[in-house]
């Protein structure tokens, strides 16, 4: 049961003077989406200082003591199946086909599920206004460019990242590669320019010329950029990866305990998003059917894959924190002779890609630029949940999303696709091994069916499983074993709930499946 509903039910029981029930399941379990949000009257706009965020999470990481105990609290913001319901944070796509469709379309601003495509016109007029631009249709975009040393690198990464993370379930901006000529950059009356001293004044054509001299040109003398459509709603600042917003009544689960933020570690590792931090997020106030509430976005993907936005990624990126004493100590004590595997990695010389590879990629040892509280409290349940979503991207789906980066050199798209395919496989092989990776439970013709994901994807041979059935008391959570029920045929019983405890060749790794009639209503895992 999602925390939201639990708290509402407890509050109602207290108001009516009745004791709160300790039931494990409720009639509407498993929830597929959060309850309708409560209206948010007023929120505070705030920013997060990048240097403060770095020092706080590097030297005084929230919940560091809990992490040292190696006993993080169970993940929250999940339903009784261990899945993340649709919410202001996350949206589920149910099939690989939907994952591919999500790479090219975005849910409209009302979040009502209608898909739309709003790619910029092929020949718009762009009007510089502060950091943003507005094309002829009136939509507001942020326009970013590549470094002179690596044309296409950051723009492709930003576009590819926005579409992958959207397909994985997160709210992201709509990002597109755009090509245009100098004449299409028109200075409007509202255009302003800040000089190196921070003084703001009206922008001139000379200012635009000065900016564009620092932008690489294509073979025809034109420019390539990344146009990012402003996210819907009124921006109110980034979210943190710990705590909650005290001014948002819907934000009741500590961020470091959310499965969708803990599991984000796996997605960041897959795409080498080493810049997963608070300032690359954005909360906005949106209107949903007349109810104003906060929606949470991931933004700015220019530092994923082999790109570090303004230059290729350092080989350190993804392998050690920016400030990490241990590898520096090893280098010092060995007089520079010690060289970890990642220092010996071989990168192809493709300017559009930067530094991206897969042969030294270790999903469990991957590192963000600096510690992230939610990442460091992840459990095997979180990484299994996320690995399932990564593995749902087929080879063709990955190639299709990479193609949206519009690399002009075919070697770039082929190498990025190959790296993501190989990194995907390492993620599945690693995190499916941490649990008993059974999924897709259903009851058909009186039998309980499921699939072993490790066997499905060829990471392990098919295994034999043992099952023990029990009647389950939903009020006391006590199990009464059913004698002789040792097959996957659902036993006859008058009990409202049945529980099937499944084991493989490692006794500590189990899956318990709960049935209400012929419907799977709950899954518990041990590891």
Protein backbone atom coordinates (compact mmCIF):
# COMPACT_ATOMS: atom_id res chain seq x y z
CA UNK A 1 0.00 0.00 0.00
CA UNK A 2 1.34 3.37 -0.94
CA UNK A 3 2.24 5.65 1.93
CA UNK A 4 -0.33 8.25 0.81
CA UNK A 5 -3.25 5.91 1.28
CA UNK A 6 -1.91 4.50 4.54
CA UNK A 7 -1.69 7.95 6.07
CA UNK A 8 -5.16 8.93 4.84
CA UNK A 9 -6.69 5.76 6.30
CA UNK A 10 -4.90 6.23 9.62
CA UNK A 11 -6.05 9.85 9.78
CA UNK A 12 -9.67 8.85 9.08
CA UNK A 13 -9.55 6.14 11.79
CA UNK A 14 -8.21 8.58 14.35
CA UNK A 15 -10.83 11.19 13.50
CA UNK A 16 -13.62 8.62 13.92
CA UNK A 17 -12.24 7.33 17.19
CA UNK A 18 -11.62 3.81 15.84
CA UNK A 19 -8.34 1.93 16.00
CA UNK A 20 -6.29 2.01 12.80
CA UNK A 21 -6.30 -1.31 10.94
CA UNK A 22 -3.02 -3.12 10.41
CA UNK A 23 -4.17 -4.81 7.22
CA UNK A 24 -1.50 -5.60 4.64
CA UNK A 25 -3.84 -5.30 1.65
CA UNK A 26 -6.80 -3.08 0.87
CA UNK A 27 -9.53 -3.61 -1.73
CA UNK A 28 -7.90 -1.30 -4.30
CA UNK A 29 -4.45 -2.93 -4.11
CA UNK A 30 -2.25 -2.93 -6.07
CA UNK A 31 -2.45 0.79 -6.83
CA UNK A 32 -1.31 1.75 -10.32
CA UNK A 33 -1.33 5.50 -9.67
CA UNK A 34 -1.15 7.82 -6.69
CA UNK A 35 -4.40 9.27 -5.35
CA UNK A 36 -5.51 12.55 -6.88
CA UNK A 37 -3.18 15.25 -5.52
CA UNK A 38 -4.28 17.66 -2.84
CA UNK A 39 -4.39 21.28 -4.02
CA UNK A 40 -1.25 23.27 -3.28
CA UNK A 41 -2.09 26.83 -2.31
CA UNK A 42 1.34 28.43 -2.17
CA UNK A 43 4.93 27.26 -2.49
CA UNK A 44 8.25 28.99 -2.03
CA UNK A 45 10.53 29.45 -5.00
CA UNK A 46 14.11 28.58 -4.16
CA UNK A 47 17.43 27.75 -5.70
CA UNK A 48 20.25 25.41 -4.67
CA UNK A 49 23.83 26.61 -4.63
CA UNK A 50 25.95 24.18 -6.64
CA UNK A 51 29.00 24.54 -4.39
CA UNK A 52 26.96 24.07 -1.22
CA UNK A 53 25.33 20.97 -2.73
CA UNK A 54 28.75 19.54 -3.60
CA UNK A 55 30.30 20.15 -0.17
CA UNK A 56 27.22 19.03 1.74
CA UNK A 57 26.88 15.71 -0.11
CA UNK A 58 30.63 15.07 -0.26
CA UNK A 59 31.58 15.81 3.36
CA UNK A 60 28.25 15.70 5.20
CA UNK A 61 25.99 13.47 3.18
CA UNK A 62 22.44 13.30 4.58
CA UNK A 63 21.68 9.87 6.08
CA UNK A 64 25.36 8.92 6.02
CA UNK A 65 25.03 7.21 9.40
CA UNK A 66 22.17 5.08 8.14
CA UNK A 67 24.23 4.14 5.09
CA UNK A 68 27.12 3.06 7.36
CA UNK A 69 24.78 0.65 9.14
CA UNK A 70 24.07 -1.00 5.77
CA UNK A 71 20.45 -1.15 6.80
CA UNK A 72 18.48 1.46 4.87
CA UNK A 73 14.76 1.66 5.52
CA UNK A 74 12.58 -0.22 3.02
CA UNK A 75 11.85 1.70 -0.15
CA UNK A 76 8.69 3.75 -0.21
CA UNK A 77 6.41 5.23 -2.88
CA UNK A 78 5.80 1.67 -4.12
CA UNK A 79 2.65 -0.40 -4.40
CA UNK A 80 2.09 -3.89 -3.02
CA UNK A 81 3.79 -5.41 -6.10
CA UNK A 82 6.97 -3.44 -5.46
CA UNK A 83 6.29 -1.24 -8.49
CA UNK A 84 6.25 2.57 -8.62
CA UNK A 85 2.73 3.92 -9.25
CA UNK A 86 2.15 6.77 -11.69
CA UNK A 87 2.61 10.06 -9.88
CA UNK A 88 3.86 13.62 -10.19
CA UNK A 89 7.33 12.03 -10.24
CA UNK A 90 6.99 9.05 -12.54
CA UNK A 91 4.88 7.49 -15.31
CA UNK A 92 4.96 3.81 -16.27
CA UNK A 93 5.08 2.59 -19.85
CA UNK A 94 3.82 -0.94 -20.01
CA UNK A 95 5.52 -2.42 -23.07
CA UNK A 96 8.68 -2.09 -25.19
CA UNK A 97 6.52 -0.57 -27.94
CA UNK A 98 5.42 2.18 -25.57
CA UNK A 99 9.06 2.72 -24.55
CA UNK A 100 10.00 3.40 -28.17
CA UNK A 101 6.97 5.62 -28.72
CA UNK A 102 7.92 7.59 -25.62
CA UNK A 103 11.31 8.33 -27.19
CA UNK A 104 9.61 10.40 -29.86
CA UNK A 105 6.53 11.80 -28.14
CA UNK A 106 5.80 13.51 -24.86
CA UNK A 107 2.73 13.62 -22.64
CA UNK A 108 0.95 16.94 -22.89
CA UNK A 109 1.11 19.58 -20.17
CA UNK A 110 -2.15 18.43 -18.60
CA UNK A 111 -0.65 14.97 -18.03
CA UNK A 112 -3.83 13.34 -19.34
CA UNK A 113 -2.02 10.71 -21.34
CA UNK A 114 -2.51 12.22 -24.78
CA UNK A 115 0.73 11.94 -26.72
CA UNK A 116 1.91 14.81 -28.85
CA UNK A 117 4.92 15.74 -30.92
CA UNK A 118 6.00 19.37 -30.80
CA UNK A 119 9.36 19.34 -32.54
CA UNK A 120 10.46 22.83 -33.58
CA UNK A 121 9.86 23.95 -37.14
CA UNK A 122 12.65 23.09 -39.56
CA UNK A 123 13.21 26.78 -40.41
CA UNK A 124 12.11 28.90 -37.46
CA UNK A 125 13.11 32.44 -36.64
CA UNK A 126 14.80 32.48 -33.26
CA UNK A 127 14.55 35.51 -31.03
CA UNK A 128 17.21 35.56 -28.27
CA UNK A 129 15.64 36.62 -24.95
CA UNK A 130 18.04 36.21 -22.02
CA UNK A 131 18.94 32.49 -21.98
CA UNK A 132 15.89 31.39 -23.94
CA UNK A 133 14.61 31.65 -27.47
CA UNK A 134 11.14 31.70 -28.92
CA UNK A 135 10.52 30.24 -32.38
CA UNK A 136 7.88 31.55 -34.72
CA UNK A 137 5.13 29.41 -33.16
CA UNK A 138 5.57 31.18 -29.84
CA UNK A 139 6.80 28.24 -27.78
CA UNK A 140 9.66 29.01 -25.42
CA UNK A 141 12.88 27.03 -25.86
CA UNK A 142 16.31 27.09 -24.27
CA UNK A 143 18.99 26.92 -26.94
CA UNK A 144 22.34 25.24 -26.17
CA UNK A 145 25.42 24.68 -28.31
CA UNK A 146 28.35 22.29 -28.56
CA UNK A 147 31.96 23.04 -27.62
CA UNK A 148 34.24 23.97 -30.53
CA UNK A 149 36.42 20.93 -29.82
CA UNK A 150 33.55 18.41 -30.07
CA UNK A 151 30.75 19.35 -32.48
CA UNK A 152 27.48 17.45 -31.90
CA UNK A 153 28.68 15.86 -28.65
CA UNK A 154 26.67 17.74 -26.00
CA UNK A 155 23.62 18.45 -28.18
CA UNK A 156 23.26 14.78 -29.11
CA UNK A 157 23.74 13.67 -25.48
CA UNK A 158 21.10 16.13 -24.23
CA UNK A 159 18.53 14.98 -26.77
CA UNK A 160 19.23 11.27 -26.33
CA UNK A 161 19.17 11.61 -22.53
CA UNK A 162 15.84 13.44 -22.46
CA UNK A 163 14.20 10.72 -24.52
CA UNK A 164 15.70 7.77 -22.65
CA UNK A 165 14.77 9.18 -19.25
CA UNK A 166 11.28 10.00 -20.48
CA UNK A 167 10.90 6.48 -21.83
CA UNK A 168 12.09 5.13 -18.48
CA UNK A 169 9.28 7.03 -16.77
CA UNK A 170 10.57 10.43 -15.62
CA UNK A 171 9.29 13.90 -16.45
CA UNK A 172 11.80 15.59 -18.78
CA UNK A 173 11.88 18.56 -21.16
CA UNK A 174 11.25 18.04 -24.86
CA UNK A 175 14.72 18.28 -26.42
CA UNK A 176 15.51 18.39 -30.16
CA UNK A 177 18.47 18.95 -32.45
CA UNK A 178 17.92 22.06 -34.60
CA UNK A 179 19.92 23.44 -37.51
CA UNK A 180 19.71 27.06 -38.63
CA UNK A 181 21.61 29.89 -40.25
CA UNK A 182 22.77 33.18 -38.77
CA UNK A 183 19.95 35.09 -40.45
CA UNK A 184 17.40 33.13 -38.46
CA UNK A 185 18.73 34.62 -35.21
CA UNK A 186 16.80 37.87 -34.95
CA UNK A 187 17.21 40.32 -32.09
CA UNK A 188 13.85 41.43 -30.71
CA UNK A 189 13.01 44.43 -28.57
CA UNK A 190 12.90 42.17 -25.50
CA UNK A 191 16.33 40.64 -26.08
CA UNK A 192 18.83 41.45 -23.34
CA UNK A 193 22.52 40.72 -22.81
CA UNK A 194 24.60 40.44 -19.64
CA UNK A 195 28.22 41.52 -19.99
CA UNK A 196 31.11 39.83 -18.11
CA UNK A 197 30.53 42.19 -15.17
CA UNK A 198 26.90 41.12 -14.88
CA UNK A 199 25.48 44.38 -16.20
CA UNK A 200 22.35 43.84 -18.28
CA UNK A 201 21.54 45.90 -21.38
CA UNK A 202 19.60 45.55 -24.65
CA UNK A 203 21.11 42.93 -26.95
CA UNK A 204 22.56 43.93 -30.31
CA UNK A 205 23.45 42.02 -33.48
CA UNK A 206 27.11 42.45 -32.53
CA UNK A 207 26.45 40.53 -29.31
CA UNK A 208 24.88 37.67 -31.27
CA UNK A 209 27.85 37.63 -33.65
CA UNK A 210 30.24 37.47 -30.70
CA UNK A 211 28.36 34.53 -29.18
CA UNK A 212 28.13 32.62 -32.45
CA UNK A 213 31.86 32.94 -33.10
CA UNK A 214 32.30 30.47 -30.21
CA UNK A 215 29.91 27.94 -31.75
CA UNK A 216 31.08 25.29 -34.25
CA UNK A 217 29.73 25.56 -37.80
CA UNK A 218 28.58 22.70 -39.99
CA UNK A 219 29.83 22.02 -43.52
CA UNK A 220 27.34 24.46 -45.02
CA UNK A 221 28.37 27.24 -42.66
CA UNK A 222 25.24 26.91 -40.54
CA UNK A 223 24.80 26.15 -36.88
CA UNK A 224 23.55 23.18 -34.88
CA UNK A 225 21.98 23.54 -31.46
CA UNK A 226 19.85 21.74 -28.91
CA UNK A 227 16.42 23.30 -28.43
CA UNK A 228 14.79 22.43 -25.09
CA UNK A 229 11.14 23.30 -24.72
CA UNK A 230 10.43 25.01 -21.39
CA UNK A 231 8.76 22.52 -19.04
CA UNK A 232 5.07 23.15 -18.35
CA UNK A 233 4.03 25.12 -15.30
CA UNK A 234 5.59 27.82 -13.15
CA UNK A 235 9.17 26.90 -12.20
CA UNK A 236 9.76 26.95 -8.42
CA UNK A 237 13.29 25.53 -8.22
CA UNK A 238 15.10 22.17 -7.97
CA UNK A 239 14.20 19.31 -5.65
CA UNK A 240 16.64 17.69 -3.24
CA UNK A 241 17.50 14.01 -3.14
CA UNK A 242 16.61 13.87 0.55
CA UNK A 243 13.83 15.17 2.79
CA UNK A 244 10.52 16.56 1.52
CA UNK A 245 9.05 19.89 0.53
CA UNK A 246 7.35 21.18 3.67
CA UNK A 247 5.11 23.44 1.58
CA UNK A 248 3.76 20.57 -0.55
CA UNK A 249 1.11 18.43 1.21
CA UNK A 250 1.54 15.71 -1.45
CA UNK A 251 5.27 15.33 -0.80
CA UNK A 252 5.11 12.97 2.19
CA UNK A 253 7.77 10.36 1.29
CA UNK A 254 11.37 11.29 2.05
CA UNK A 255 13.11 11.62 -1.29
CA UNK A 256 16.05 9.44 -0.30
CA UNK A 257 13.58 6.59 0.32
CA UNK A 258 11.65 6.86 -2.95
CA UNK A 259 12.16 3.83 -5.20
CA UNK A 260 12.03 6.00 -8.32
CA UNK A 261 14.96 8.09 -7.00
CA UNK A 262 16.94 5.19 -5.52
CA UNK A 263 16.48 3.23 -8.74
CA UNK A 264 17.55 6.26 -10.74
CA UNK A 265 21.10 5.16 -9.83
CA UNK A 266 20.79 2.27 -12.31
CA UNK A 267 19.53 4.48 -15.12
CA UNK A 268 22.25 7.05 -14.46
CA UNK A 269 24.89 4.30 -14.52
CA UNK A 270 23.54 2.90 -17.78
CA UNK A 271 23.60 6.29 -19.53
CA UNK A 272 26.69 7.51 -17.64
CA UNK A 273 24.74 10.46 -16.23
CA UNK A 274 27.46 11.46 -13.77
CA UNK A 275 25.82 14.84 -13.22
CA UNK A 276 22.75 13.49 -11.40
CA UNK A 277 22.33 16.18 -8.77
CA UNK A 278 19.74 18.57 -7.44
CA UNK A 279 20.52 21.51 -9.71
CA UNK A 280 19.72 19.27 -12.69
CA UNK A 281 16.14 18.92 -11.54
CA UNK A 282 13.17 21.27 -11.54
CA UNK A 283 9.87 21.47 -9.68
CA UNK A 284 6.99 23.32 -11.32
CA UNK A 285 3.47 24.27 -10.31
CA UNK A 286 1.02 22.77 -12.79
CA UNK A 287 -2.76 22.72 -13.11
CA UNK A 288 -4.32 19.27 -13.39
CA UNK A 289 -8.08 19.39 -13.84
CA UNK A 290 -8.33 22.57 -11.81
CA UNK A 291 -6.02 21.30 -9.04
CA UNK A 292 -2.69 23.08 -8.67
CA UNK A 293 0.13 20.81 -7.56
CA UNK A 294 3.89 20.32 -7.81
CA UNK A 295 5.38 18.25 -10.65
CA UNK A 296 8.99 17.03 -10.59
CA UNK A 297 11.33 17.05 -13.60
CA UNK A 298 14.81 15.84 -14.47
CA UNK A 299 16.57 18.37 -16.72
CA UNK A 300 19.93 19.02 -18.40
CA UNK A 301 21.43 15.86 -19.91
CA UNK A 302 24.41 17.42 -21.69
CA UNK A 303 26.81 15.59 -19.34
CA UNK A 304 25.75 12.01 -20.07
CA UNK A 305 27.29 9.31 -22.29
CA UNK A 306 30.80 10.49 -23.22
CA UNK A 307 30.02 14.21 -22.91
CA UNK A 308 30.80 16.52 -20.02
CA UNK A 309 28.93 19.38 -21.72
CA UNK A 310 31.93 21.60 -22.43
CA UNK A 311 34.49 18.85 -23.05
CA UNK A 312 34.75 15.06 -23.28
CA UNK A 313 34.32 13.19 -20.01
CA UNK A 314 37.45 12.47 -18.01
CA UNK A 315 38.21 8.74 -17.64
CA UNK A 316 37.61 9.30 -13.91
CA UNK A 317 33.97 10.18 -14.56
CA UNK A 318 31.69 7.32 -13.59
CA UNK A 319 34.50 5.54 -11.75
CA UNK A 320 35.43 7.74 -8.79
CA UNK A 321 33.94 10.77 -7.08
CA UNK A 322 35.38 14.20 -7.87
CA UNK A 323 36.82 14.12 -4.35
CA UNK A 324 37.84 10.57 -3.52
CA UNK A 325 40.76 10.00 -1.16
CA UNK A 326 41.23 6.25 -1.70
CA UNK A 327 42.30 6.19 -5.39
CA UNK A 328 44.48 9.24 -4.82
CA UNK A 329 46.17 7.46 -1.89
CA UNK A 330 46.81 4.37 -4.00
CA UNK A 331 48.37 6.51 -6.71
CA UNK A 332 50.57 8.28 -4.16
CA UNK A 333 51.70 5.16 -2.29
CA UNK A 334 52.46 3.27 -5.51
CA UNK A 335 54.40 6.24 -6.91
CA UNK A 336 51.97 6.32 -9.81
CA UNK A 337 52.49 2.67 -10.74
CA UNK A 338 49.02 1.59 -9.62
CA UNK A 339 46.55 1.96 -12.49
CA UNK A 340 42.97 0.73 -11.99
CA UNK A 341 41.22 -0.92 -14.90
CA UNK A 342 39.27 2.18 -15.87
CA UNK A 343 42.52 4.13 -16.34
CA UNK A 344 43.51 1.62 -19.02
CA UNK A 345 40.21 1.82 -20.91
CA UNK A 346 40.38 2.27 -24.67
CA UNK A 347 38.20 4.99 -26.19
CA UNK A 348 37.65 5.32 -29.95
CA UNK A 349 38.64 8.70 -31.37
CA UNK A 350 35.18 10.00 -32.30
CA UNK A 351 34.82 13.70 -31.51
CA UNK A 352 31.03 13.58 -31.53
CA UNK A 353 31.02 10.95 -28.76
CA UNK A 354 33.68 12.04 -26.31
CA UNK A 355 34.75 9.34 -23.84
CA UNK A 356 32.30 6.45 -23.57
CA UNK A 357 33.04 2.73 -23.30
CA UNK A 358 31.63 -0.46 -21.82
CA UNK A 359 34.46 -2.94 -21.23
CA UNK A 360 35.39 -1.58 -17.78
CA UNK A 361 31.81 -0.68 -16.79
CA UNK A 362 30.85 -2.18 -13.42
CA UNK A 363 27.21 -1.34 -12.55
CA UNK A 364 27.71 -1.83 -8.80
CA UNK A 365 30.84 0.35 -8.65
CA UNK A 366 29.70 3.15 -10.96
CA UNK A 367 29.97 6.58 -9.34
CA UNK A 368 28.16 9.86 -9.72
CA UNK A 369 30.31 13.03 -9.66
CA UNK A 370 29.63 13.18 -5.93
CA UNK A 371 27.50 11.22 -3.46
CA UNK A 372 23.74 11.22 -3.88
CA UNK A 373 21.71 10.29 -0.76
CA UNK A 374 19.04 8.37 -2.68
CA UNK A 375 21.62 6.46 -4.73
CA UNK A 376 23.57 5.40 -1.66
CA UNK A 377 20.50 4.01 0.12
CA UNK A 378 19.45 1.81 -2.79
CA UNK A 379 18.53 -1.80 -2.05
CA UNK A 380 18.57 -4.91 -4.29
CA UNK A 381 14.82 -4.38 -4.65
CA UNK A 382 15.43 -0.92 -6.11
CA UNK A 383 18.12 -2.04 -8.53
CA UNK A 384 16.05 -5.06 -9.65
CA UNK A 385 13.07 -2.78 -10.35
CA UNK A 386 15.27 -0.45 -12.41
CA UNK A 387 17.18 -3.23 -14.20
CA UNK A 388 13.87 -4.63 -15.47
CA UNK A 389 13.15 -1.30 -17.15
CA UNK A 390 16.61 -1.06 -18.69
CA UNK A 391 16.37 -4.61 -20.07
CA UNK A 392 12.99 -3.76 -21.64
CA UNK A 393 14.86 -1.63 -24.22
CA UNK A 394 15.63 -3.90 -27.15
CA UNK A 395 18.70 -3.41 -29.34
CA UNK A 396 16.52 -1.81 -32.03
CA UNK A 397 14.84 0.47 -29.49
CA UNK A 398 18.22 1.67 -28.25
CA UNK A 399 19.40 2.36 -31.80
CA UNK A 400 16.18 4.26 -32.51
CA UNK A 401 16.61 6.54 -29.51
CA UNK A 402 20.30 7.12 -30.26
CA UNK A 403 19.30 8.14 -33.81
CA UNK A 404 17.42 11.13 -32.36
CA UNK A 405 20.83 12.61 -31.53
CA UNK A 406 21.33 13.04 -35.30
CA UNK A 407 25.04 12.27 -35.42
CA UNK A 408 26.47 13.10 -38.85
CA UNK A 409 29.19 10.45 -38.46
CA UNK A 410 27.68 6.96 -38.58
CA UNK A 411 30.52 5.67 -36.38
CA UNK A 412 29.22 7.84 -33.54
CA UNK A 413 25.69 6.42 -33.51
CA UNK A 414 27.01 2.87 -33.94
CA UNK A 415 29.46 3.21 -31.05
CA UNK A 416 27.00 4.86 -28.65
CA UNK A 417 24.39 2.18 -29.48
CA UNK A 418 26.91 -0.62 -28.95
CA UNK A 419 28.01 0.82 -25.61
CA UNK A 420 24.44 1.16 -24.36
CA UNK A 421 23.55 -2.36 -25.47
CA UNK A 422 26.58 -3.84 -23.70
CA UNK A 423 26.08 -1.67 -20.60
CA UNK A 424 22.41 -2.73 -20.53
CA UNK A 425 23.42 -6.39 -20.51
CA UNK A 426 25.89 -5.85 -17.68
CA UNK A 427 23.17 -4.14 -15.66
CA UNK A 428 20.77 -7.04 -16.13
CA UNK A 429 23.41 -9.68 -15.38
CA UNK A 430 24.56 -7.82 -12.24
CA UNK A 431 21.31 -6.78 -10.60
CA UNK A 432 19.25 -9.83 -11.53
CA UNK A 433 21.86 -11.84 -9.64
CA UNK A 434 21.20 -9.92 -6.40
CA UNK A 435 17.65 -11.28 -6.04
CA UNK A 436 15.59 -14.21 -7.21
CA UNK A 437 14.66 -12.47 -10.49
CA UNK A 438 11.13 -13.80 -10.96
CA UNK A 439 8.56 -11.49 -12.51
CA UNK A 440 5.38 -11.40 -14.60
CA UNK A 441 3.29 -13.37 -12.10
CA UNK A 442 -0.22 -14.39 -13.18
CA UNK A 443 -2.77 -17.12 -12.58
CA UNK A 444 -4.00 -19.02 -15.64
CA UNK A 445 -6.01 -22.21 -15.73
CA UNK A 446 -5.57 -22.66 -11.99
CA UNK A 447 -1.77 -22.41 -11.99
CA UNK A 448 0.69 -19.71 -10.94
CA UNK A 449 2.93 -18.66 -13.83
CA UNK A 450 6.00 -16.43 -13.91
CA UNK A 451 9.26 -15.95 -15.79
CA UNK A 452 12.86 -15.98 -14.63
CA UNK A 453 14.33 -12.80 -16.11
CA UNK A 454 17.91 -14.04 -15.78
CA UNK A 455 17.02 -17.06 -17.91
CA UNK A 456 14.86 -15.01 -20.28
CA UNK A 457 17.78 -12.76 -21.22
CA UNK A 458 20.34 -15.57 -21.30
CA UNK A 459 22.26 -14.63 -18.15
CA UNK A 460 21.61 -18.00 -16.49
CA UNK A 461 20.26 -21.42 -17.39
CA UNK A 462 16.70 -22.31 -16.42
CA UNK A 463 16.37 -23.30 -12.77
CA UNK A 464 14.10 -25.47 -10.64
CA UNK A 465 11.99 -23.83 -7.96
CA UNK A 466 10.25 -24.99 -4.81
CA UNK A 467 6.95 -23.51 -3.66
CA UNK A 468 5.11 -23.71 -0.35
CA UNK A 469 1.50 -22.46 -0.12
CA UNK A 470 -0.15 -20.92 2.93
CA UNK A 471 -3.41 -19.29 3.85
CA UNK A 472 -2.69 -15.66 4.67
CA UNK A 473 -4.52 -13.69 7.37
CA UNK A 474 -4.72 -10.13 6.10
CA UNK A 475 -5.38 -8.71 9.57
CA UNK A 476 -2.62 -10.44 11.53
CA UNK A 477 -0.27 -11.18 8.59
CA UNK A 478 0.05 -14.75 9.87
CA UNK A 479 0.53 -17.69 7.48
CA UNK A 480 -1.07 -21.10 7.94
CA UNK A 481 0.74 -23.70 5.79
CA UNK A 482 -1.36 -25.84 3.44
CA UNK A 483 -0.12 -29.42 3.66
CA UNK A 484 0.62 -31.14 0.40
CA UNK A 485 0.46 -27.93 -1.63
CA UNK A 486 3.93 -28.10 -3.20
CA UNK A 487 3.24 -27.49 -6.89
CA UNK A 488 2.37 -24.34 -8.80
CA UNK A 489 -1.26 -25.39 -9.04
CA UNK A 490 -3.26 -22.97 -6.88
CA UNK A 491 -4.62 -25.04 -3.96
CA UNK A 492 -8.28 -25.08 -3.02
CA UNK A 493 -8.99 -22.96 0.05
CA UNK A 494 -11.77 -20.88 1.56
CA UNK A 495 -9.26 -18.24 2.68
CA UNK A 496 -9.54 -14.78 1.14
CA UNK A 497 -5.78 -14.62 0.58
CA UNK A 498 -3.16 -17.22 -0.31
CA UNK A 499 0.62 -16.85 -0.15
CA UNK A 500 3.12 -18.76 -2.29
CA UNK A 501 6.71 -18.80 -0.99
CA UNK A 502 9.08 -19.55 -3.87
CA UNK A 503 12.75 -20.52 -3.51
CA UNK A 504 15.49 -21.39 -5.94
CA UNK A 505 18.96 -22.76 -5.25
CA UNK A 506 19.85 -19.96 -2.79
CA UNK A 507 17.60 -20.20 0.30
CA UNK A 508 18.04 -16.57 1.36
CA UNK A 509 16.64 -15.31 -1.97
CA UNK A 510 12.87 -15.78 -1.96
CA UNK A 511 9.77 -14.36 -3.56
CA UNK A 512 6.40 -14.45 -1.81
CA UNK A 513 3.38 -14.00 -4.07
CA UNK A 514 0.01 -13.09 -2.56
CA UNK A 515 -3.25 -13.98 -4.28
CA UNK A 516 -6.77 -12.71 -3.72
CA UNK A 517 -8.79 -15.21 -5.69
CA UNK A 518 -7.00 -15.52 -9.03
CA UNK A 519 -5.49 -12.04 -8.87
CA UNK A 520 -1.90 -11.31 -7.84
CA UNK A 521 -2.14 -8.50 -5.28
CA UNK A 522 1.27 -8.49 -3.61
CA UNK A 523 4.91 -9.50 -3.95
CA UNK A 524 7.55 -9.56 -1.21
CA UNK A 525 11.24 -10.29 -1.88
CA UNK A 526 14.14 -11.27 0.37
CA UNK A 527 17.79 -11.16 -0.60
